[in-house]
C-alpha atoms as a PDB file:
ATOM      1  CA  UNK A   1       6.794  14.741  10.822  1.00  0.00           C
ATOM      2  CA  UNK A   2       7.254  11.099   9.791  1.00  0.00           C
ATOM      3  CA  UNK A   3       8.032   9.790   6.325  1.00  0.00           C
ATOM      4  CA  UNK A   4       5.539   6.919   6.460  1.00  0.00           C
ATOM      5  CA  UNK A   5       6.688   5.520   3.121  1.00  0.00           C
ATOM      6  CA  UNK A   6      10.261   5.084   4.366  1.00  0.00           C
ATOM      7  CA  UNK A   7       9.064   3.526   7.616  1.00  0.00           C
ATOM      8  CA  UNK A   8       6.862   1.041   5.746  1.00  0.00           C
ATOM      9  CA  UNK A   9       9.654   0.226   3.282  1.00  0.00           C
ATOM     10  CA  UNK A  10      12.058  -0.471   6.147  1.00  0.00           C
ATOM     11  CA  UNK A  11       9.608  -2.662   8.053  1.00  0.00           C
ATOM     12  CA  UNK A  12       8.596  -4.653   4.984  1.00  0.00           C
ATOM     13  CA  UNK A  13      12.199  -5.035   3.829  1.00  0.00           C
ATOM     14  CA  UNK A  14      13.394  -6.147   7.267  1.00  0.00           C
ATOM     15  CA  UNK A  15      10.547  -8.645   7.637  1.00  0.00           C
ATOM     16  CA  UNK A  16      11.130 -10.188   4.210  1.00  0.00           C
ATOM     17  CA  UNK A  17      14.909 -10.286   4.623  1.00  0.00           C
ATOM     18  CA  UNK A  18      14.464 -12.091   7.948  1.00  0.00           C
ATOM     19  CA  UNK A  19      12.808 -15.047   6.203  1.00  0.00           C
ATOM     20  CA  UNK A  20      14.670 -14.881   2.868  1.00  0.00           C
ATOM     21  CA  UNK A  21      17.474 -12.474   2.005  1.00  0.00           C
ATOM     22  CA  UNK A  22      18.179  -8.788   1.340  1.00  0.00           C
ATOM     23  CA  UNK A  23      18.076  -9.181  -2.451  1.00  0.00           C
ATOM     24  CA  UNK A  24      14.574 -10.651  -2.424  1.00  0.00           C
ATOM     25  CA  UNK A  25      13.438  -8.030   0.079  1.00  0.00           C
ATOM     26  CA  UNK A  26      14.701  -5.211  -2.137  1.00  0.00           C
ATOM     27  CA  UNK A  27      12.991  -6.685  -5.216  1.00  0.00           C
ATOM     28  CA  UNK A  28       9.677  -6.935  -3.363  1.00  0.00           C
ATOM     29  CA  UNK A  29       9.840  -3.461  -1.838  1.00  0.00           C
ATOM     30  CA  UNK A  30      11.228  -1.577  -4.869  1.00  0.00           C
ATOM     31  CA  UNK A  31      10.290  -3.832  -7.799  1.00  0.00           C
ATOM     32  CA  UNK A  32      12.475  -6.110  -9.903  1.00  0.00           C
ATOM     33  CA  UNK A  33      14.261  -3.207 -11.589  1.00  0.00           C
ATOM     34  CA  UNK A  34      13.890  -0.653  -8.809  1.00  0.00           C
ATOM     35  CA  UNK A  35      10.953   1.036 -10.568  1.00  0.00           C
ATOM     36  CA  UNK A  36       9.022   1.487  -7.303  1.00  0.00           C
ATOM     37  CA  UNK A  37      11.882   3.328  -5.605  1.00  0.00           C
ATOM     38  CA  UNK A  38      10.838   6.571  -7.283  1.00  0.00           C
ATOM     39  CA  UNK A  39       7.840   8.408  -5.912  1.00  0.00           C
ATOM     40  CA  UNK A  40       6.976   9.550  -9.457  1.00  0.00           C
ATOM     41  CA  UNK A  41       4.699   6.597 -10.212  1.00  0.00           C
ATOM     42  CA  UNK A  42       1.433   5.147  -8.948  1.00  0.00           C
ATOM     43  CA  UNK A  43       3.021   2.108  -7.279  1.00  0.00           C
ATOM     44  CA  UNK A  44       2.983   3.792  -3.882  1.00  0.00           C
ATOM     45  CA  UNK A  45      -0.683   4.755  -4.289  1.00  0.00           C
ATOM     46  CA  UNK A  46      -1.678   1.223  -5.312  1.00  0.00           C
ATOM     47  CA  UNK A  47       0.215  -0.116  -2.310  1.00  0.00           C
ATOM     48  CA  UNK A  48      -1.687   2.302  -0.070  1.00  0.00           C
ATOM     49  CA  UNK A  49      -4.942   1.047  -1.586  1.00  0.00           C
ATOM     50  CA  UNK A  50      -3.905  -2.516  -0.725  1.00  0.00           C
ATOM     51  CA  UNK A  51      -3.018  -1.468   2.802  1.00  0.00           C
ATOM     52  CA  UNK A  52      -6.414   0.242   3.135  1.00  0.00           C
ATOM     53  CA  UNK A  53      -8.113  -2.931   1.879  1.00  0.00           C
ATOM     54  CA  UNK A  54      -6.565  -4.990   4.675  1.00  0.00           C
ATOM     55  CA  UNK A  55      -7.336  -2.320   7.268  1.00  0.00           C
ATOM     56  CA  UNK A  56     -11.001  -1.944   6.311  1.00  0.00           C
ATOM     57  CA  UNK A  57     -11.544  -5.691   5.889  1.00  0.00           C
ATOM     58  CA  UNK A  58     -10.439  -6.108   9.473  1.00  0.00           C
ATOM     59  CA  UNK A  59     -12.547  -3.198  10.683  1.00  0.00           C
ATOM     60  CA  UNK A  60     -15.696  -4.247   8.787  1.00  0.00           C
ATOM     61  CA  UNK A  61     -15.051  -7.995   9.137  1.00  0.00           C
ATOM     62  CA  UNK A  62     -15.877  -8.596   5.473  1.00  0.00           C
ATOM     63  CA  UNK A  63     -14.325  -8.273   2.030  1.00  0.00           C
ATOM     64  CA  UNK A  64     -14.038  -4.725   0.714  1.00  0.00           C
ATOM     65  CA  UNK A  65     -13.339  -3.232  -2.680  1.00  0.00           C
ATOM     66  CA  UNK A  66     -10.929  -0.298  -2.751  1.00  0.00           C
ATOM     67  CA  UNK A  67     -10.841   2.046  -5.722  1.00  0.00           C
ATOM     68  CA  UNK A  68      -8.145   4.699  -6.026  1.00  0.00           C
ATOM     69  CA  UNK A  69     -10.070   7.771  -7.228  1.00  0.00           C
ATOM     70  CA  UNK A  70      -7.502  10.549  -6.820  1.00  0.00           C
ATOM     71  CA  UNK A  71      -3.814  10.668  -6.024  1.00  0.00           C
ATOM     72  CA  UNK A  72      -1.392  13.489  -5.283  1.00  0.00           C
ATOM     73  CA  UNK A  73       1.324  11.402  -6.953  1.00  0.00           C
ATOM     74  CA  UNK A  74      -0.724  11.366 -10.148  1.00  0.00           C
ATOM     75  CA  UNK A  75      -1.334  15.137 -10.153  1.00  0.00           C
ATOM     76  CA  UNK A  76      -4.517  15.477  -8.116  1.00  0.00           C
ATOM     77  CA  UNK A  77      -4.802  17.908  -5.219  1.00  0.00           C
ATOM     78  CA  UNK A  78      -5.774  15.140  -2.743  1.00  0.00           C
ATOM     79  CA  UNK A  79      -5.616  11.379  -2.299  1.00  0.00           C
ATOM     80  CA  UNK A  80      -9.060   9.801  -2.359  1.00  0.00           C
ATOM     81  CA  UNK A  81     -10.103   6.168  -2.150  1.00  0.00           C
ATOM     82  CA  UNK A  82     -13.555   4.641  -2.355  1.00  0.00           C
ATOM     83  CA  UNK A  83     -14.075   1.825   0.168  1.00  0.00           C
ATOM     84  CA  UNK A  84     -17.003  -0.503  -0.580  1.00  0.00           C
ATOM     85  CA  UNK A  85     -17.792  -3.152   2.077  1.00  0.00           C
ATOM     86  CA  UNK A  86     -19.183  -6.426   0.697  1.00  0.00           C
ATOM     87  CA  UNK A  87     -21.214  -7.445   3.734  1.00  0.00           C
ATOM     88  CA  UNK A  88     -20.378  -5.409   6.836  1.00  0.00           C
ATOM     89  CA  UNK A  89     -21.115  -7.004  10.219  1.00  0.00           C
ATOM     90  CA  UNK A  90     -23.494  -4.239  11.274  1.00  0.00           C
ATOM     91  CA  UNK A  91     -26.182  -5.279   8.769  1.00  0.00           C
END
């Protein structure tokens, strides 16, 4: 099993550090004071919503709205996002 969060953190950190430095990369990945390093907050879920936004905008070739409805990190039994395409290409 993969820890997708750690993989994403490493890729993002490496990419940012390559064009700036390790300190800036760490601040972007984990927050200015390291608050996003803990999995006991909704930062990870909001990041996943942003990732889903990019993914579905590419797939639907239009702007989408992503609403985080449920989150395991916030005490729900599942993660659930609502994806609303603005003007999908299939119309």
